Amino acid sequence: MPEFDFVKSSYSNTAGECVEVARNVPDVVAIRDSKTPDGPLLRLTPCAWAEFTASLD
């Protein structure tokens, strides 16, 4: 499994409800809950990630 380099989302709040995103692996954007770093990962294609983030505006 590739080594993901997660960074905390700028939308995360100070109450510990955080989303972390890794974009350092080609063709994959990985998302996880920072409260459970060993928990499940959501893996998206960069295109799907771009469509998702564009829909948030």
PDB file of N, CA and C in Angstrom:
ATOM      1  N   MET A   1       0.850  -1.179   0.000  1.00  0.00           N
ATOM      2  CA  MET A   1       0.000   0.000   0.000  1.00  0.00           C
ATOM      3  C   MET A   1       0.895   1.240   0.000  1.00  0.00           C
ATOM      4  N   PRO A   2       0.526   2.236  -0.788  1.00  0.00           N
ATOM      5  CA  PRO A   2       1.346   3.446  -0.835  1.00  0.00           C
ATOM      6  C   PRO A   2       1.325   4.205   0.489  1.00  0.00           C
ATOM      7  N   GLU A   3       2.353   4.971   0.705  1.00  0.00           N
ATOM      8  CA  GLU A   3       2.454   5.807   1.900  1.00  0.00           C
ATOM      9  C   GLU A   3       1.775   7.144   1.626  1.00  0.00           C
ATOM     10  N   PHE A   4       0.636   7.359   2.244  1.00  0.00           N
ATOM     11  CA  PHE A   4      -0.088   8.606   2.060  1.00  0.00           C
ATOM     12  C   PHE A   4       0.446   9.663   3.016  1.00  0.00           C
ATOM     13  N   ASP A   5       0.588  10.872   2.523  1.00  0.00           N
ATOM     14  CA  ASP A   5       1.032  12.013   3.320  1.00  0.00           C
ATOM     15  C   ASP A   5      -0.188  12.900   3.558  1.00  0.00           C
ATOM     16  N   PHE A   6      -0.862  12.697   4.689  1.00  0.00           N
ATOM     17  CA  PHE A   6      -2.116  13.386   4.980  1.00  0.00           C
ATOM     18  C   PHE A   6      -1.875  14.786   5.535  1.00  0.00           C
ATOM     19  N   VAL A   7      -2.738  15.704   5.118  1.00  0.00           N
ATOM     20  CA  VAL A   7      -2.764  17.056   5.668  1.00  0.00           C
ATOM     21  C   VAL A   7      -4.190  17.352   6.101  1.00  0.00           C
ATOM     22  N   LYS A   8      -4.303  18.138   7.146  1.00  0.00           N
ATOM     23  CA  LYS A   8      -5.622  18.478   7.681  1.00  0.00           C
ATOM     24  C   LYS A   8      -6.304  19.484   6.769  1.00  0.00           C
ATOM     25  N   SER A   9      -7.576  19.277   6.538  1.00  0.00           N
ATOM     26  CA  SER A   9      -8.356  20.176   5.701  1.00  0.00           C
ATOM     27  C   SER A   9      -8.457  21.558   6.330  1.00  0.00           C
ATOM     28  N   SER A  10      -8.450  22.581   5.505  1.00  0.00           N
ATOM     29  CA  SER A  10      -8.625  23.941   6.007  1.00  0.00           C
ATOM     30  C   SER A  10     -10.039  24.165   6.519  1.00  0.00           C
ATOM     31  N   TYR A  11     -10.961  23.266   6.190  1.00  0.00           N
ATOM     32  CA  TYR A  11     -12.339  23.365   6.666  1.00  0.00           C
ATOM     33  C   TYR A  11     -12.538  22.708   8.032  1.00  0.00           C
ATOM     34  N   SER A  12     -11.515  22.048   8.542  1.00  0.00           N
ATOM     35  CA  SER A  12     -11.627  21.372   9.832  1.00  0.00           C
ATOM     36  C   SER A  12     -11.791  22.394  10.948  1.00  0.00           C
ATOM     37  N   ASN A  13     -12.481  21.982  12.001  1.00  0.00           N
ATOM     38  CA  ASN A  13     -12.703  22.924  13.110  1.00  0.00           C
ATOM     39  C   ASN A  13     -11.833  22.580  14.306  1.00  0.00           C
ATOM     40  N   THR A  14     -11.838  23.433  15.299  1.00  0.00           N
ATOM     41  CA  THR A  14     -10.981  23.256  16.475  1.00  0.00           C
ATOM     42  C   THR A  14     -11.550  22.255  17.468  1.00  0.00           C
ATOM     43  N   ALA A  15     -12.765  21.773  17.264  1.00  0.00           N
ATOM     44  CA  ALA A  15     -13.368  20.799  18.175  1.00  0.00           C
ATOM     45  C   ALA A  15     -12.903  19.378  17.876  1.00  0.00           C
ATOM     46  N   GLY A  16     -11.962  19.222  16.962  1.00  0.00           N
ATOM     47  CA  GLY A  16     -11.431  17.902  16.664  1.00  0.00           C
ATOM     48  C   GLY A  16     -12.157  17.177  15.554  1.00  0.00           C
ATOM     49  N   GLU A  17     -13.108  17.812  14.930  1.00  0.00           N
ATOM     50  CA  GLU A  17     -13.808  17.203  13.801  1.00  0.00           C
ATOM     51  C   GLU A  17     -13.046  17.561  12.543  1.00  0.00           C
ATOM     52  N   CYS A  18     -12.125  16.690  12.163  1.00  0.00           N
ATOM     53  CA  CYS A  18     -11.188  17.016  11.098  1.00  0.00           C
ATOM     54  C   CYS A  18     -11.193  15.974   9.994  1.00  0.00           C
ATOM     55  N   VAL A  19     -11.040  16.460   8.794  1.00  0.00           N
ATOM     56  CA  VAL A  19     -10.853  15.619   7.628  1.00  0.00           C
ATOM     57  C   VAL A  19      -9.431  15.827   7.154  1.00  0.00           C
ATOM     58  N   GLU A  20      -8.766  14.738   6.844  1.00  0.00           N
ATOM     59  CA  GLU A  20      -7.409  14.827   6.324  1.00  0.00           C
ATOM     60  C   GLU A  20      -7.391  14.278   4.902  1.00  0.00           C
ATOM     61  N   VAL A  21      -6.591  14.903   4.061  1.00  0.00           N
ATOM     62  CA  VAL A  21      -6.534  14.548   2.648  1.00  0.00           C
ATOM     63  C   VAL A  21      -5.079  14.316   2.253  1.00  0.00           C
ATOM     64  N   ALA A  22      -4.870  13.274   1.460  1.00  0.00           N
ATOM     65  CA  ALA A  22      -3.535  12.994   0.909  1.00  0.00           C
ATOM     66  C   ALA A  22      -3.634  13.004  -0.611  1.00  0.00           C
ATOM     67  N   ARG A  23      -2.770  13.801  -1.231  1.00  0.00           N
ATOM     68  CA  ARG A  23      -2.745  13.890  -2.698  1.00  0.00           C
ATOM     69  C   ARG A  23      -1.360  13.606  -3.253  1.00  0.00           C
ATOM     70  N   ASN A  24      -0.528  12.922  -2.484  1.00  0.00           N
ATOM     71  CA  ASN A  24       0.847  12.677  -2.891  1.00  0.00           C
ATOM     72  C   ASN A  24       1.055  11.396  -3.694  1.00  0.00           C
ATOM     73  N   VAL A  25       0.030  10.580  -3.853  1.00  0.00           N
ATOM     74  CA  VAL A  25       0.137   9.337  -4.616  1.00  0.00           C
ATOM     75  C   VAL A  25      -0.538   9.550  -5.974  1.00  0.00           C
ATOM     76  N   PRO A  26       0.161   9.276  -7.074  1.00  0.00           N
ATOM     77  CA  PRO A  26      -0.434   9.498  -8.391  1.00  0.00           C
ATOM     78  C   PRO A  26      -1.758   8.753  -8.562  1.00  0.00           C
ATOM     79  N   ASP A  27      -2.709   9.425  -9.163  1.00  0.00           N
ATOM     80  CA  ASP A  27      -4.013   8.860  -9.536  1.00  0.00           C
ATOM     81  C   ASP A  27      -4.918   8.530  -8.359  1.00  0.00           C
ATOM     82  N   VAL A  28      -4.565   8.978  -7.133  1.00  0.00           N
ATOM     83  CA  VAL A  28      -5.396   8.697  -5.950  1.00  0.00           C
ATOM     84  C   VAL A  28      -5.445   9.931  -5.055  1.00  0.00           C
ATOM     85  N   VAL A  29      -6.637  10.240  -4.555  1.00  0.00           N
ATOM     86  CA  VAL A  29      -6.798  11.208  -3.481  1.00  0.00           C
ATOM     87  C   VAL A  29      -7.408  10.421  -2.327  1.00  0.00           C
ATOM     88  N   ALA A  30      -6.707  10.370  -1.211  1.00  0.00           N
ATOM     89  CA  ALA A  30      -7.166   9.606  -0.049  1.00  0.00           C
ATOM     90  C   ALA A  30      -7.712  10.569   1.006  1.00  0.00           C
ATOM     91  N   ILE A  31      -8.831  10.184   1.620  1.00  0.00           N
ATOM     92  CA  ILE A  31      -9.474  11.007   2.642  1.00  0.00           C
ATOM     93  C   ILE A  31      -9.698  10.135   3.865  1.00  0.00           C
ATOM     94  N   ARG A  32      -9.463  10.713   5.055  1.00  0.00           N
ATOM     95  CA  ARG A  32      -9.711   9.973   6.293  1.00  0.00           C
ATOM     96  C   ARG A  32     -10.177  10.934   7.380  1.00  0.00           C
ATOM     97  N   ASP A  33     -10.725  10.364   8.434  1.00  0.00           N
ATOM     98  CA  ASP A  33     -11.127  11.102   9.621  1.00  0.00           C
ATOM     99  C   ASP A  33      -9.917  11.151  10.550  1.00  0.00           C
ATOM    100  N   SER A  34      -9.492  12.337  10.951  1.00  0.00           N
ATOM    101  CA  SER A  34      -8.297  12.449  11.786  1.00  0.00           C
ATOM    102  C   SER A  34      -8.463  11.815  13.160  1.00  0.00           C
ATOM    103  N   LYS A  35      -9.706  11.632  13.603  1.00  0.00           N
ATOM    104  CA  LYS A  35      -9.932  11.004  14.910  1.00  0.00           C
ATOM    105  C   LYS A  35      -9.652   9.500  14.866  1.00  0.00           C
ATOM    106  N   THR A  36      -9.688   8.913  13.677  1.00  0.00           N
ATOM    107  CA  THR A  36      -9.418   7.484  13.517  1.00  0.00           C
ATOM    108  C   THR A  36      -8.423   7.280  12.377  1.00  0.00           C
ATOM    109  N   PRO A  37      -7.165   7.679  12.581  1.00  0.00           N
ATOM    110  CA  PRO A  37      -6.187   7.607  11.497  1.00  0.00           C
ATOM    111  C   PRO A  37      -5.920   6.185  10.999  1.00  0.00           C
ATOM    112  N   ASP A  38      -6.178   5.184  11.801  1.00  0.00           N
ATOM    113  CA  ASP A  38      -6.006   3.797  11.361  1.00  0.00           C
ATOM    114  C   ASP A  38      -7.305   3.207  10.822  1.00  0.00           C
ATOM    115  N   GLY A  39      -8.334   4.032  10.741  1.00  0.00           N
ATOM    116  CA  GLY A  39      -9.635   3.583  10.260  1.00  0.00           C
ATOM    117  C   GLY A  39      -9.680   3.532   8.743  1.00  0.00           C
ATOM    118  N   PRO A  40     -10.876   3.425   8.221  1.00  0.00           N
ATOM    119  CA  PRO A  40     -11.022   3.297   6.773  1.00  0.00           C
ATOM    120  C   PRO A  40     -10.628   4.575   6.025  1.00  0.00           C
ATOM    121  N   LEU A  41     -10.217   4.378   4.786  1.00  0.00           N
ATOM    122  CA  LEU A  41      -9.868   5.480   3.893  1.00  0.00           C
ATOM    123  C   LEU A  41     -10.876   5.517   2.755  1.00  0.00           C
ATOM    124  N   LEU A  42     -11.177   6.696   2.328  1.00  0.00           N
ATOM    125  CA  LEU A  42     -11.947   6.891   1.112  1.00  0.00           C
ATOM    126  C   LEU A  42     -10.944   7.258   0.035  1.00  0.00           C
ATOM    127  N   ARG A  43     -10.930   6.483  -1.044  1.00  0.00           N
ATOM    128  CA  ARG A  43      -9.998   6.749  -2.144  1.00  0.00           C
ATOM    129  C   ARG A  43     -10.803   7.189  -3.362  1.00  0.00           C
ATOM    130  N   LEU A  44     -10.406   8.331  -3.917  1.00  0.00           N
ATOM    131  CA  LEU A  44     -11.064   8.885  -5.099  1.00  0.00           C
ATOM    132  C   LEU A  44     -10.045   9.124  -6.198  1.00  0.00           C
ATOM    133  N   THR A  45     -10.530   9.190  -7.421  1.00  0.00           N
ATOM    134  CA  THR A  45      -9.662   9.634  -8.504  1.00  0.00           C
ATOM    135  C   THR A  45      -9.515  11.143  -8.383  1.00  0.00           C
ATOM    136  N   PRO A  46      -8.440  11.698  -8.900  1.00  0.00           N
ATOM    137  CA  PRO A  46      -8.310  13.162  -8.867  1.00  0.00           C
ATOM    138  C   PRO A  46      -9.491  13.868  -9.545  1.00  0.00           C
ATOM    139  N   CYS A  47     -10.033  13.291 -10.599  1.00  0.00           N
ATOM    140  CA  CYS A  47     -11.181  13.888 -11.279  1.00  0.00           C
ATOM    141  C   CYS A  47     -12.404  13.901 -10.358  1.00  0.00           C
ATOM    142  N   ALA A  48     -12.670  12.790  -9.685  1.00  0.00           N
ATOM    143  CA  ALA A  48     -13.808  12.729  -8.754  1.00  0.00           C
ATOM    144  C   ALA A  48     -13.612  13.707  -7.601  1.00  0.00           C
ATOM    145  N   TRP A  49     -12.388  13.844  -7.108  1.00  0.00           N
ATOM    146  CA  TRP A  49     -12.090  14.788  -6.025  1.00  0.00           C
ATOM    147  C   TRP A  49     -12.349  16.215  -6.486  1.00  0.00           C
ATOM    148  N   ALA A  50     -11.907  16.543  -7.708  1.00  0.00           N
ATOM    149  CA  ALA A  50     -12.122  17.882  -8.246  1.00  0.00           C
ATOM    150  C   ALA A  50     -13.616  18.177  -8.395  1.00  0.00           C
ATOM    151  N   GLU A  51     -14.383  17.200  -8.868  1.00  0.00           N
ATOM    152  CA  GLU A  51     -15.832  17.387  -9.003  1.00  0.00           C
ATOM    153  C   GLU A  51     -16.485  17.573  -7.635  1.00  0.00           C
ATOM    154  N   PHE A  52     -16.046  16.790  -6.654  1.00  0.00           N
ATOM    155  CA  PHE A  52     -16.600  16.909  -5.298  1.00  0.00           C
ATOM    156  C   PHE A  52     -16.305  18.273  -4.702  1.00  0.00           C
ATOM    157  N   THR A  53     -15.050  18.700  -4.759  1.00  0.00           N
ATOM    158  CA  THR A  53     -14.701  19.990  -4.151  1.00  0.00           C
ATOM    159  C   THR A  53     -15.345  21.148  -4.903  1.00  0.00           C
ATOM    160  N   ALA A  54     -15.508  21.034  -6.211  1.00  0.00           N
ATOM    161  CA  ALA A  54     -16.173  22.087  -6.983  1.00  0.00           C
ATOM    162  C   ALA A  54     -17.642  22.210  -6.582  1.00  0.00           C
ATOM    163  N   SER A  55     -18.243  21.100  -6.184  1.00  0.00           N
ATOM    164  CA  SER A  55     -19.665  21.128  -5.793  1.00  0.00           C
ATOM    165  C   SER A  55     -19.871  21.799  -4.436  1.00  0.00           C
ATOM    166  N   LEU A  56     -18.803  22.026  -3.677  1.00  0.00           N
ATOM    167  CA  LEU A  56     -18.915  22.639  -2.358  1.00  0.00           C
ATOM    168  C   LEU A  56     -19.010  24.156  -2.430  1.00  0.00           C
ATOM    169  N   ASP A  57     -18.679  24.739  -3.553  1.00  0.00           N
ATOM    170  CA  ASP A  57     -18.719  26.204  -3.686  1.00  0.00           C
ATOM    171  C   ASP A  57     -20.143  26.722  -3.774  1.00  0.00           C
TER     172      ASP A  57
END
